[in-house]
Amino acid sequence: MIAALVAAAAVLTLPAMAGAVTLQGAGSSAEQPILDDLFAAYTKLHKSIHFRFYADGGNAGVKLVQDHRELFAVNTRPPLASDAGTTYIKIFLDGLCVAVNPANSESNLTLSQTKNIFLGLDTTWSQVGGSDLGSATIEPVGRNSTAGSYTFFQSAVLGGKTQASSVLQEGSDGLVESTVANAKDSIGYVGLAHSGPGSGVKRLTLNGVACSTANIKNESYPLWRWIWAVIPTPSKTVHPNASVENFINWVATSKKAGSVITKAGAVPAFNK
């Protein structure tokens, strides 16, 4: 069965036309803006390589790699025991930013306050303090369990607990961004690229530290995180795709990729 699935996965890299190769992956919607730019830049350098990426959540992407239905995944949380059969590779840095609507005067939360909001313990802005929304009901917005960002937030903020039933669970960071941008009482968590200028949301500082490129790079922002490429672990019957491995190495180490990562809204780590 495994051999058959590996053979099916290999079909994804057969020449589409005139020697072209399509590398298919899945995973993080938080990192999709960065990945789209990296895919485009790599294709300019290697014109026969093309990409197809399904931004269906980092956890979902890893499961597809485990099932040999995708060649690679991108996830926003560290590896877990449940990721057996996969290999995680650090490729760049990001931060999980907590954001509110610009109409909210709130500017800073502690990790404890953020935890209480997403566990449903604090339900009005007057309980939190710092906001001019008074007794208005807090409308928390988060990700669903297919997202690596959800698992990361659950571990880093909620102490392993499940977010409250009152949290609106969206299927992508883009939807969280859009919801918070259109609801003045809302609060959500999104990747750095989904909370910058033009996003329609306002980043909060956490424990007084801004979710910024500099603070992610020096690891002082409480919710800084690695972004991981995920491929099958080599075995007698499973072999990672060589073209995918070449792309991952380029993303993690090349000067050109570092420039793309920076411009797209994330933080290069090893690129020189």
Protein backbone atom coordinates (compact mmCIF):
# COMPACT_ATOMS: atom_id res chain seq x y z
CA MET A 1 0.00 0.00 0.00
CA ILE A 2 2.80 2.43 0.94
CA ALA A 3 4.65 1.72 -2.28
CA ALA A 4 1.51 2.42 -4.27
CA LEU A 5 0.98 5.72 -2.48
CA VAL A 6 4.59 6.74 -3.04
CA ALA A 7 4.20 5.94 -6.73
CA ALA A 8 1.06 8.07 -6.83
CA ALA A 9 2.91 10.96 -5.17
CA ALA A 10 5.75 10.65 -7.65
CA VAL A 11 3.30 11.31 -10.48
CA LEU A 12 3.09 14.86 -9.19
CA THR A 13 6.61 15.54 -10.40
CA LEU A 14 6.38 13.95 -13.84
CA PRO A 15 6.86 16.42 -16.70
CA ALA A 16 3.68 18.36 -17.31
CA MET A 17 4.90 19.53 -20.72
CA ALA A 18 8.24 20.03 -22.47
CA GLY A 19 10.28 19.00 -19.42
CA ALA A 20 8.34 21.10 -16.90
CA VAL A 21 8.03 19.71 -13.37
CA THR A 22 5.26 20.60 -10.92
CA LEU A 23 6.03 20.24 -7.22
CA GLN A 24 2.86 19.95 -5.20
CA GLY A 25 2.59 20.75 -1.51
CA ALA A 26 0.16 21.88 1.16
CA GLY A 27 0.03 23.54 4.53
CA SER A 28 0.17 26.93 6.20
CA SER A 29 -2.11 29.74 5.07
CA ALA A 30 -0.21 32.07 7.43
CA GLU A 31 2.88 31.64 5.28
CA GLN A 32 1.14 31.58 1.89
CA PRO A 33 2.06 35.19 0.98
CA ILE A 34 5.73 34.41 1.61
CA LEU A 35 5.58 31.05 -0.14
CA ASP A 36 3.86 32.47 -3.22
CA ASP A 37 6.71 34.97 -3.64
CA LEU A 38 9.34 32.28 -3.03
CA PHE A 39 7.71 29.97 -5.59
CA ALA A 40 7.68 32.78 -8.18
CA ALA A 41 11.31 33.71 -7.53
CA TYR A 42 12.49 30.11 -7.75
CA THR A 43 10.62 29.52 -11.00
CA LYS A 44 12.38 32.54 -12.50
CA LEU A 45 15.69 30.90 -11.66
CA HIS A 46 14.59 27.37 -12.64
CA LYS A 47 12.09 27.80 -15.45
CA SER A 48 11.20 24.10 -15.63
CA ILE A 49 10.08 24.02 -11.96
CA HIS A 50 6.55 25.05 -11.04
CA PHE A 51 4.57 24.79 -7.82
CA ARG A 52 1.05 23.95 -6.76
CA PHE A 53 0.33 24.71 -3.10
CA TYR A 54 -2.89 24.14 -1.15
CA ALA A 55 -3.09 26.45 1.87
CA ASP A 56 -5.29 24.13 3.89
CA GLY A 57 -3.48 24.47 7.23
CA GLY A 58 -0.09 23.27 8.44
CA ASN A 59 -1.45 20.30 10.40
CA ALA A 60 -3.53 19.20 7.42
CA GLY A 61 -0.50 19.53 5.15
CA VAL A 62 1.64 17.32 7.37
CA LYS A 63 -1.06 14.64 7.39
CA LEU A 64 -1.04 14.68 3.58
CA VAL A 65 2.74 14.19 3.56
CA GLN A 66 2.34 11.30 6.01
CA ASP A 67 -0.21 9.75 3.65
CA HIS A 68 2.14 10.32 0.66
CA ARG A 69 -0.46 12.51 -1.02
CA GLU A 70 1.76 15.61 -1.13
CA LEU A 71 5.50 16.00 -1.71
CA PHE A 72 6.00 18.59 1.01
CA ALA A 73 4.21 20.68 3.61
CA VAL A 74 4.90 23.92 5.44
CA ASN A 75 3.96 24.16 9.11
CA THR A 76 4.12 26.87 11.77
CA ARG A 77 4.59 24.68 14.83
CA PRO A 78 7.38 22.35 15.97
CA PRO A 79 7.23 18.61 15.25
CA LEU A 80 5.10 16.38 17.47
CA ALA A 81 5.14 12.66 18.14
CA SER A 82 2.05 12.39 15.93
CA ASP A 83 4.15 13.53 12.93
CA ALA A 84 5.84 10.13 12.61
CA GLY A 85 7.26 9.47 9.16
CA THR A 86 8.06 13.12 8.46
CA THR A 87 11.18 15.26 8.75
CA TYR A 88 10.94 18.92 9.79
CA ILE A 89 13.44 21.46 8.44
CA LYS A 90 13.74 25.06 9.72
CA ILE A 91 13.46 27.51 6.83
CA PHE A 92 12.73 30.98 8.28
CA LEU A 93 11.19 32.83 11.23
CA ASP A 94 7.79 34.40 11.82
CA GLY A 95 5.71 35.72 14.69
CA LEU A 96 2.14 34.95 15.67
CA CYS A 97 0.74 38.45 16.15
CA VAL A 98 -2.30 39.30 18.27
CA ALA A 99 -4.37 41.93 16.50
CA VAL A 100 -7.51 44.01 17.04
CA ASN A 101 -9.63 46.32 14.94
CA PRO A 102 -8.07 49.80 14.52
CA ALA A 103 -11.16 51.30 16.20
CA ASN A 104 -10.07 49.64 19.46
CA SER A 105 -7.73 51.76 21.63
CA GLU A 106 -6.21 48.64 23.20
CA SER A 107 -2.46 48.59 22.59
CA ASN A 108 -0.96 45.93 24.87
CA LEU A 109 -1.99 42.66 26.44
CA THR A 110 -0.14 40.25 28.67
CA LEU A 111 0.02 36.60 27.72
CA SER A 112 -2.22 35.91 30.72
CA GLN A 113 -4.87 38.35 29.48
CA THR A 114 -4.71 36.85 26.00
CA LYS A 115 -5.15 33.39 27.49
CA ASN A 116 -8.18 34.51 29.49
CA ILE A 117 -9.81 36.02 26.41
CA PHE A 118 -9.41 32.92 24.27
CA LEU A 119 -10.47 30.58 27.07
CA GLY A 120 -13.64 32.65 27.49
CA LEU A 121 -12.80 33.79 31.02
CA ASP A 122 -12.75 37.49 30.08
CA THR A 123 -15.69 38.29 27.84
CA THR A 124 -15.91 42.10 27.82
CA TRP A 125 -13.29 44.72 27.03
CA SER A 126 -13.84 46.38 30.41
CA GLN A 127 -12.51 43.21 32.09
CA VAL A 128 -9.27 43.52 30.16
CA GLY A 129 -8.63 47.24 30.54
CA GLY A 130 -6.86 49.56 28.13
CA SER A 131 -9.72 49.62 25.64
CA ASP A 132 -12.27 52.35 25.04
CA LEU A 133 -14.90 49.77 24.09
CA GLY A 134 -16.04 49.41 27.70
CA SER A 135 -18.64 46.72 28.32
CA ALA A 136 -18.73 45.62 24.68
CA THR A 137 -18.50 41.85 24.28
CA ILE A 138 -15.11 40.63 23.06
CA GLU A 139 -15.37 38.72 19.78
CA PRO A 140 -12.34 36.39 19.65
CA VAL A 141 -11.32 34.97 16.27
CA GLY A 142 -8.89 32.09 15.83
CA ARG A 143 -7.90 29.19 13.62
CA ASN A 144 -9.31 25.68 13.48
CA SER A 145 -7.45 22.50 14.37
CA THR A 146 -6.14 21.94 10.82
CA ALA A 147 -3.82 24.92 11.35
CA GLY A 148 -0.36 24.71 12.83
CA SER A 149 -0.99 28.23 14.16
CA TYR A 150 -3.84 26.87 16.26
CA THR A 151 -1.61 24.17 17.77
CA PHE A 152 1.18 26.71 18.37
CA PHE A 153 -1.24 29.15 20.05
CA GLN A 154 -2.75 26.35 22.12
CA SER A 155 0.67 25.39 23.43
CA ALA A 156 2.29 28.84 23.77
CA VAL A 157 -0.69 30.79 25.11
CA LEU A 158 -3.46 28.47 26.32
CA GLY A 159 -1.28 26.07 28.27
CA GLY A 160 -2.47 23.15 26.16
CA LYS A 161 -6.16 23.89 26.73
CA THR A 162 -8.73 24.12 23.94
CA GLN A 163 -9.88 27.60 22.94
CA ALA A 164 -13.39 28.51 24.07
CA SER A 165 -16.47 27.62 22.03
CA SER A 166 -17.06 31.37 21.69
CA VAL A 167 -13.95 31.69 19.50
CA LEU A 168 -14.88 31.97 15.83
CA GLN A 169 -12.71 29.39 14.08
CA GLU A 170 -11.59 30.43 10.62
CA GLY A 171 -9.98 28.27 7.96
CA SER A 172 -7.14 30.65 7.07
CA ASP A 173 -5.16 33.59 8.42
CA GLY A 174 -6.63 35.70 5.64
CA LEU A 175 -10.13 35.08 6.98
CA VAL A 176 -9.03 35.93 10.55
CA GLU A 177 -7.49 39.16 9.23
CA SER A 178 -10.64 40.05 7.29
CA THR A 179 -12.97 39.29 10.21
CA VAL A 180 -10.98 41.40 12.68
CA ALA A 181 -10.71 44.23 10.14
CA ASN A 182 -14.49 44.34 9.85
CA ALA A 183 -15.57 43.92 13.49
CA LYS A 184 -14.53 46.58 15.99
CA ASP A 185 -15.00 44.37 19.07
CA SER A 186 -12.89 41.50 17.71
CA ILE A 187 -9.42 40.17 18.44
CA GLY A 188 -7.49 37.49 16.58
CA TYR A 189 -4.10 35.87 16.06
CA VAL A 190 -2.36 35.87 12.67
CA GLY A 191 1.08 35.62 11.11
CA LEU A 192 3.23 38.72 10.65
CA ALA A 193 2.40 39.02 6.94
CA HIS A 194 -1.32 39.18 7.70
CA SER A 195 -1.11 42.05 10.19
CA GLY A 196 1.11 44.69 8.61
CA PRO A 197 0.31 47.97 6.87
CA GLY A 198 -2.73 47.63 4.64
CA SER A 199 -4.07 44.58 6.47
CA GLY A 200 -6.88 46.51 8.16
CA VAL A 201 -5.90 45.25 11.62
CA LYS A 202 -3.77 46.68 14.44
CA ARG A 203 -1.05 44.63 16.07
CA LEU A 204 -0.89 44.64 19.85
CA THR A 205 2.27 44.40 21.89
CA LEU A 206 2.47 41.31 24.12
CA ASN A 207 4.01 41.79 27.55
CA GLY A 208 5.09 45.18 26.19
CA VAL A 209 7.02 43.70 23.23
CA ALA A 210 5.97 44.48 19.65
CA CYS A 211 5.34 41.79 17.06
CA SER A 212 8.01 43.15 14.73
CA THR A 213 10.73 41.83 12.46
CA ALA A 214 13.47 42.93 14.86
CA ASN A 215 11.85 41.36 17.93
CA ILE A 216 11.15 38.12 16.09
CA LYS A 217 14.74 37.95 14.88
CA ASN A 218 16.17 38.49 18.37
CA GLU A 219 13.51 36.16 19.83
CA SER A 220 12.29 38.72 22.38
CA TYR A 221 8.71 38.72 21.10
CA PRO A 222 6.85 36.08 23.17
CA LEU A 223 5.23 34.35 20.17
CA TRP A 224 8.18 34.18 17.74
CA ARG A 225 8.32 30.85 15.94
CA TRP A 226 10.17 28.80 13.36
CA ILE A 227 8.55 28.04 10.04
CA TRP A 228 9.20 24.47 8.97
CA ALA A 229 9.33 22.63 5.67
CA VAL A 230 8.09 19.06 6.08
CA ILE A 231 9.08 16.15 3.86
CA PRO A 232 8.82 12.36 4.17
CA THR A 233 11.49 10.72 6.29
CA PRO A 234 13.67 8.55 4.02
CA SER A 235 13.15 4.80 4.30
CA LYS A 236 13.43 1.70 2.14
CA THR A 237 10.12 2.53 0.46
CA VAL A 238 9.92 6.33 0.79
CA HIS A 239 12.27 8.88 -0.75
CA PRO A 240 11.91 12.67 -0.50
CA ASN A 241 11.72 14.39 -3.86
CA ALA A 242 15.16 15.75 -4.82
CA SER A 243 13.73 18.86 -6.51
CA VAL A 244 11.76 19.67 -3.35
CA GLU A 245 14.90 19.25 -1.24
CA ASN A 246 16.80 21.61 -3.55
CA PHE A 247 14.05 24.21 -3.22
CA ILE A 248 13.99 23.93 0.58
CA ASN A 249 17.76 24.38 0.74
CA TRP A 250 17.50 27.47 -1.50
CA VAL A 251 14.76 28.97 0.71
CA ALA A 252 16.73 28.39 3.90
CA THR A 253 20.18 29.51 2.76
CA SER A 254 20.29 31.69 -0.35
CA LYS A 255 20.71 35.45 -0.29
CA LYS A 256 18.02 35.85 -2.94
CA ALA A 257 15.48 33.88 -0.92
CA GLY A 258 16.34 35.93 2.16
CA SER A 259 15.49 39.10 0.28
CA VAL A 260 12.18 37.60 -0.89
CA ILE A 261 11.30 36.45 2.65
CA THR A 262 11.98 39.92 4.07
CA LYS A 263 9.95 41.75 1.43
CA ALA A 264 7.04 39.30 1.77
CA GLY A 265 6.73 39.85 5.51
CA ALA A 266 8.73 37.20 7.37
CA VAL A 267 12.23 36.93 8.83
CA PRO A 268 15.17 35.09 7.22
CA ALA A 269 17.35 33.09 9.59
CA PHE A 270 20.22 31.45 7.69
CA ASN A 271 20.29 33.35 4.40
CA LYS A 272 23.61 35.03 3.53
